[in-house]
């Protein structure tokens, strides 16, 4: 089962995304801001990270910088934003502008292959 981390300070958005992706068989974890998202990324392995840009404390651009500087820098990251001017999209694998159809998000997540189980085991051993 592929795992997805969704980071957004708007609880309603994370709930809708979590429910939609779960219906398609994804294991979805959520975080309410960038700090919590980075901590969850450190503690668990995810096949895809979806992050909002504008959030209190640590924003989505900081989240993507953290991931790109980590040993798991190739983790696909989807950025979501209602404010495109705040988006540094060069480090994102895909950007969706709010509001977007849920099917667009699901289709985007499906384009990224899951990390193979043996790779997850290897990464856990190295952590």
C-alpha atoms as a PDB file:
ATOM      1  CA  UNK A   1       0.000   0.000   0.000  1.00  0.00           C
ATOM      2  CA  UNK A   2       1.370   3.421  -0.938  1.00  0.00           C
ATOM      3  CA  UNK A   3       1.718   5.977   1.820  1.00  0.00           C
ATOM      4  CA  UNK A   4       0.987   9.671   1.472  1.00  0.00           C
ATOM      5  CA  UNK A   5       1.674  12.569   3.843  1.00  0.00           C
ATOM      6  CA  UNK A   6      -0.743  15.501   3.526  1.00  0.00           C
ATOM      7  CA  UNK A   7       0.297  18.788   5.169  1.00  0.00           C
ATOM      8  CA  UNK A   8      -2.218  21.639   5.398  1.00  0.00           C
ATOM      9  CA  UNK A   9      -3.331  23.960   8.187  1.00  0.00           C
ATOM     10  CA  UNK A  10      -6.944  23.765   7.027  1.00  0.00           C
ATOM     11  CA  UNK A  11      -8.349  20.649   8.700  1.00  0.00           C
ATOM     12  CA  UNK A  12     -11.246  20.383   6.262  1.00  0.00           C
ATOM     13  CA  UNK A  13      -8.856  20.125   3.326  1.00  0.00           C
ATOM     14  CA  UNK A  14      -6.720  17.437   4.939  1.00  0.00           C
ATOM     15  CA  UNK A  15      -9.840  15.439   5.861  1.00  0.00           C
ATOM     16  CA  UNK A  16     -11.244  15.542   2.324  1.00  0.00           C
ATOM     17  CA  UNK A  17      -7.909  14.591   0.761  1.00  0.00           C
ATOM     18  CA  UNK A  18      -7.358  11.837   3.316  1.00  0.00           C
ATOM     19  CA  UNK A  19     -10.785  10.349   2.696  1.00  0.00           C
ATOM     20  CA  UNK A  20     -10.476  10.547  -1.102  1.00  0.00           C
ATOM     21  CA  UNK A  21      -7.024   8.949  -1.233  1.00  0.00           C
ATOM     22  CA  UNK A  22      -8.034   6.295   1.302  1.00  0.00           C
ATOM     23  CA  UNK A  23     -10.870   5.239  -1.005  1.00  0.00           C
ATOM     24  CA  UNK A  24      -8.199   4.545  -3.637  1.00  0.00           C
ATOM     25  CA  UNK A  25      -6.197   2.375  -1.238  1.00  0.00           C
ATOM     26  CA  UNK A  26      -3.615   4.868  -0.002  1.00  0.00           C
ATOM     27  CA  UNK A  27      -2.413   4.958   3.596  1.00  0.00           C
ATOM     28  CA  UNK A  28      -2.718   8.672   4.412  1.00  0.00           C
ATOM     29  CA  UNK A  29      -1.168  10.536   7.321  1.00  0.00           C
ATOM     30  CA  UNK A  30      -1.912  14.215   7.945  1.00  0.00           C
ATOM     31  CA  UNK A  31      -0.105  17.110   9.563  1.00  0.00           C
ATOM     32  CA  UNK A  32      -1.550  20.506  10.508  1.00  0.00           C
ATOM     33  CA  UNK A  33       1.563  22.565   9.705  1.00  0.00           C
ATOM     34  CA  UNK A  34       5.048  22.328   8.275  1.00  0.00           C
ATOM     35  CA  UNK A  35       6.703  21.573  11.628  1.00  0.00           C
ATOM     36  CA  UNK A  36       4.462  18.565  12.238  1.00  0.00           C
ATOM     37  CA  UNK A  37       4.865  17.504   8.610  1.00  0.00           C
ATOM     38  CA  UNK A  38       8.658  17.560   8.818  1.00  0.00           C
ATOM     39  CA  UNK A  39       8.546  15.546  12.047  1.00  0.00           C
ATOM     40  CA  UNK A  40       6.283  12.923  10.472  1.00  0.00           C
ATOM     41  CA  UNK A  41       8.544  12.820   7.402  1.00  0.00           C
ATOM     42  CA  UNK A  42      11.532  12.161   9.697  1.00  0.00           C
ATOM     43  CA  UNK A  43       9.697   9.396  11.574  1.00  0.00           C
ATOM     44  CA  UNK A  44       8.007   7.551   8.691  1.00  0.00           C
ATOM     45  CA  UNK A  45       8.549   6.670   5.055  1.00  0.00           C
ATOM     46  CA  UNK A  46       6.162   8.164   2.502  1.00  0.00           C
ATOM     47  CA  UNK A  47       5.774   7.504  -1.195  1.00  0.00           C
ATOM     48  CA  UNK A  48       4.380  11.014  -1.827  1.00  0.00           C
ATOM     49  CA  UNK A  49       4.161  14.248   0.175  1.00  0.00           C
ATOM     50  CA  UNK A  50       1.389  16.769  -0.519  1.00  0.00           C
ATOM     51  CA  UNK A  51       1.849  20.162   1.114  1.00  0.00           C
ATOM     52  CA  UNK A  52       0.079  23.479   1.219  1.00  0.00           C
ATOM     53  CA  UNK A  53       2.286  26.542   0.824  1.00  0.00           C
ATOM     54  CA  UNK A  54       0.826  29.149   3.169  1.00  0.00           C
ATOM     55  CA  UNK A  55       0.831  27.781   6.710  1.00  0.00           C
ATOM     56  CA  UNK A  56       1.743  29.176  10.119  1.00  0.00           C
ATOM     57  CA  UNK A  57       5.180  28.451  11.552  1.00  0.00           C
ATOM     58  CA  UNK A  58       6.912  26.444   8.812  1.00  0.00           C
ATOM     59  CA  UNK A  59       5.474  26.945   5.318  1.00  0.00           C
ATOM     60  CA  UNK A  60       5.364  24.537   2.391  1.00  0.00           C
ATOM     61  CA  UNK A  61       8.428  26.021   0.702  1.00  0.00           C
ATOM     62  CA  UNK A  62      10.416  25.228   3.874  1.00  0.00           C
ATOM     63  CA  UNK A  63       8.995  21.693   3.898  1.00  0.00           C
ATOM     64  CA  UNK A  64      10.110  21.081   0.313  1.00  0.00           C
ATOM     65  CA  UNK A  65      13.582  22.504   1.084  1.00  0.00           C
ATOM     66  CA  UNK A  66      13.886  20.177   4.088  1.00  0.00           C
ATOM     67  CA  UNK A  67      12.918  17.129   2.021  1.00  0.00           C
ATOM     68  CA  UNK A  68      15.222  18.038  -0.882  1.00  0.00           C
ATOM     69  CA  UNK A  69      18.127  18.401   1.591  1.00  0.00           C
ATOM     70  CA  UNK A  70      17.374  15.043   3.250  1.00  0.00           C
ATOM     71  CA  UNK A  71      18.589  11.555   2.372  1.00  0.00           C
ATOM     72  CA  UNK A  72      15.131  10.975   0.843  1.00  0.00           C
ATOM     73  CA  UNK A  73      15.377  13.951  -1.512  1.00  0.00           C
ATOM     74  CA  UNK A  74      13.741  12.067  -4.378  1.00  0.00           C
ATOM     75  CA  UNK A  75      10.415  11.721  -2.531  1.00  0.00           C
ATOM     76  CA  UNK A  76       7.778  13.169  -4.882  1.00  0.00           C
ATOM     77  CA  UNK A  77       6.262  16.392  -3.549  1.00  0.00           C
ATOM     78  CA  UNK A  78       3.004  17.944  -4.708  1.00  0.00           C
ATOM     79  CA  UNK A  79       2.520  21.587  -3.781  1.00  0.00           C
ATOM     80  CA  UNK A  80      -0.947  23.090  -3.295  1.00  0.00           C
ATOM     81  CA  UNK A  81      -1.582  26.789  -3.238  1.00  0.00           C
ATOM     82  CA  UNK A  82      -4.315  29.337  -3.571  1.00  0.00           C
ATOM     83  CA  UNK A  83      -1.577  31.965  -3.827  1.00  0.00           C
ATOM     84  CA  UNK A  84       0.711  31.019  -6.747  1.00  0.00           C
ATOM     85  CA  UNK A  85       3.017  34.000  -6.153  1.00  0.00           C
ATOM     86  CA  UNK A  86       4.220  32.409  -2.894  1.00  0.00           C
ATOM     87  CA  UNK A  87       5.100  29.145  -4.570  1.00  0.00           C
ATOM     88  CA  UNK A  88       8.685  28.260  -5.313  1.00  0.00           C
ATOM     89  CA  UNK A  89       7.692  25.521  -7.742  1.00  0.00           C
ATOM     90  CA  UNK A  90      11.164  24.613  -8.936  1.00  0.00           C
ATOM     91  CA  UNK A  91      11.568  21.991  -6.184  1.00  0.00           C
ATOM     92  CA  UNK A  92       8.058  20.543  -6.444  1.00  0.00           C
ATOM     93  CA  UNK A  93       7.339  17.609  -8.705  1.00  0.00           C
ATOM     94  CA  UNK A  94       3.854  18.945  -9.389  1.00  0.00           C
ATOM     95  CA  UNK A  95       1.851  22.004  -8.369  1.00  0.00           C
ATOM     96  CA  UNK A  96      -1.926  22.202  -8.039  1.00  0.00           C
ATOM     97  CA  UNK A  97      -3.662  25.539  -7.657  1.00  0.00           C
ATOM     98  CA  UNK A  98      -6.594  25.686  -5.245  1.00  0.00           C
ATOM     99  CA  UNK A  99      -9.344  25.027  -5.813  1.00  0.00           C
ATOM    100  CA  UNK A 100      -8.690  21.903  -7.861  1.00  0.00           C
ATOM    101  CA  UNK A 101     -10.812  18.833  -8.611  1.00  0.00           C
ATOM    102  CA  UNK A 102     -10.028  15.922  -6.272  1.00  0.00           C
ATOM    103  CA  UNK A 103      -9.702  13.673  -9.301  1.00  0.00           C
ATOM    104  CA  UNK A 104      -6.776  15.828 -10.499  1.00  0.00           C
ATOM    105  CA  UNK A 105      -5.004  15.235  -7.204  1.00  0.00           C
ATOM    106  CA  UNK A 106      -5.715  11.498  -7.290  1.00  0.00           C
ATOM    107  CA  UNK A 107      -4.477  11.259 -10.880  1.00  0.00           C
ATOM    108  CA  UNK A 108      -1.321  13.157  -9.942  1.00  0.00           C
ATOM    109  CA  UNK A 109      -0.586  10.928  -6.943  1.00  0.00           C
ATOM    110  CA  UNK A 110      -1.076   7.858  -9.147  1.00  0.00           C
ATOM    111  CA  UNK A 111       1.691   9.029 -11.506  1.00  0.00           C
ATOM    112  CA  UNK A 112       4.331   8.480  -8.817  1.00  0.00           C
ATOM    113  CA  UNK A 113       5.372   4.855  -8.291  1.00  0.00           C
ATOM    114  CA  UNK A 114       5.447   3.614  -4.707  1.00  0.00           C
ATOM    115  CA  UNK A 115       8.775   3.047  -3.026  1.00  0.00           C
ATOM    116  CA  UNK A 116       9.403  -0.692  -3.287  1.00  0.00           C
ATOM    117  CA  UNK A 117       8.981  -2.627  -0.054  1.00  0.00           C
ATOM    118  CA  UNK A 118      12.637  -3.684  -0.064  1.00  0.00           C
ATOM    119  CA  UNK A 119      13.644  -0.030  -0.420  1.00  0.00           C
ATOM    120  CA  UNK A 120      11.473   0.884   2.597  1.00  0.00           C
ATOM    121  CA  UNK A 121      13.210  -1.826   4.629  1.00  0.00           C
ATOM    122  CA  UNK A 122      16.642  -0.594   3.505  1.00  0.00           C
ATOM    123  CA  UNK A 123      15.775   3.021   4.367  1.00  0.00           C
ATOM    124  CA  UNK A 124      14.536   2.010   7.839  1.00  0.00           C
ATOM    125  CA  UNK A 125      17.801   0.155   8.470  1.00  0.00           C
ATOM    126  CA  UNK A 126      19.818   3.233   7.474  1.00  0.00           C
ATOM    127  CA  UNK A 127      17.750   5.683   9.541  1.00  0.00           C
END
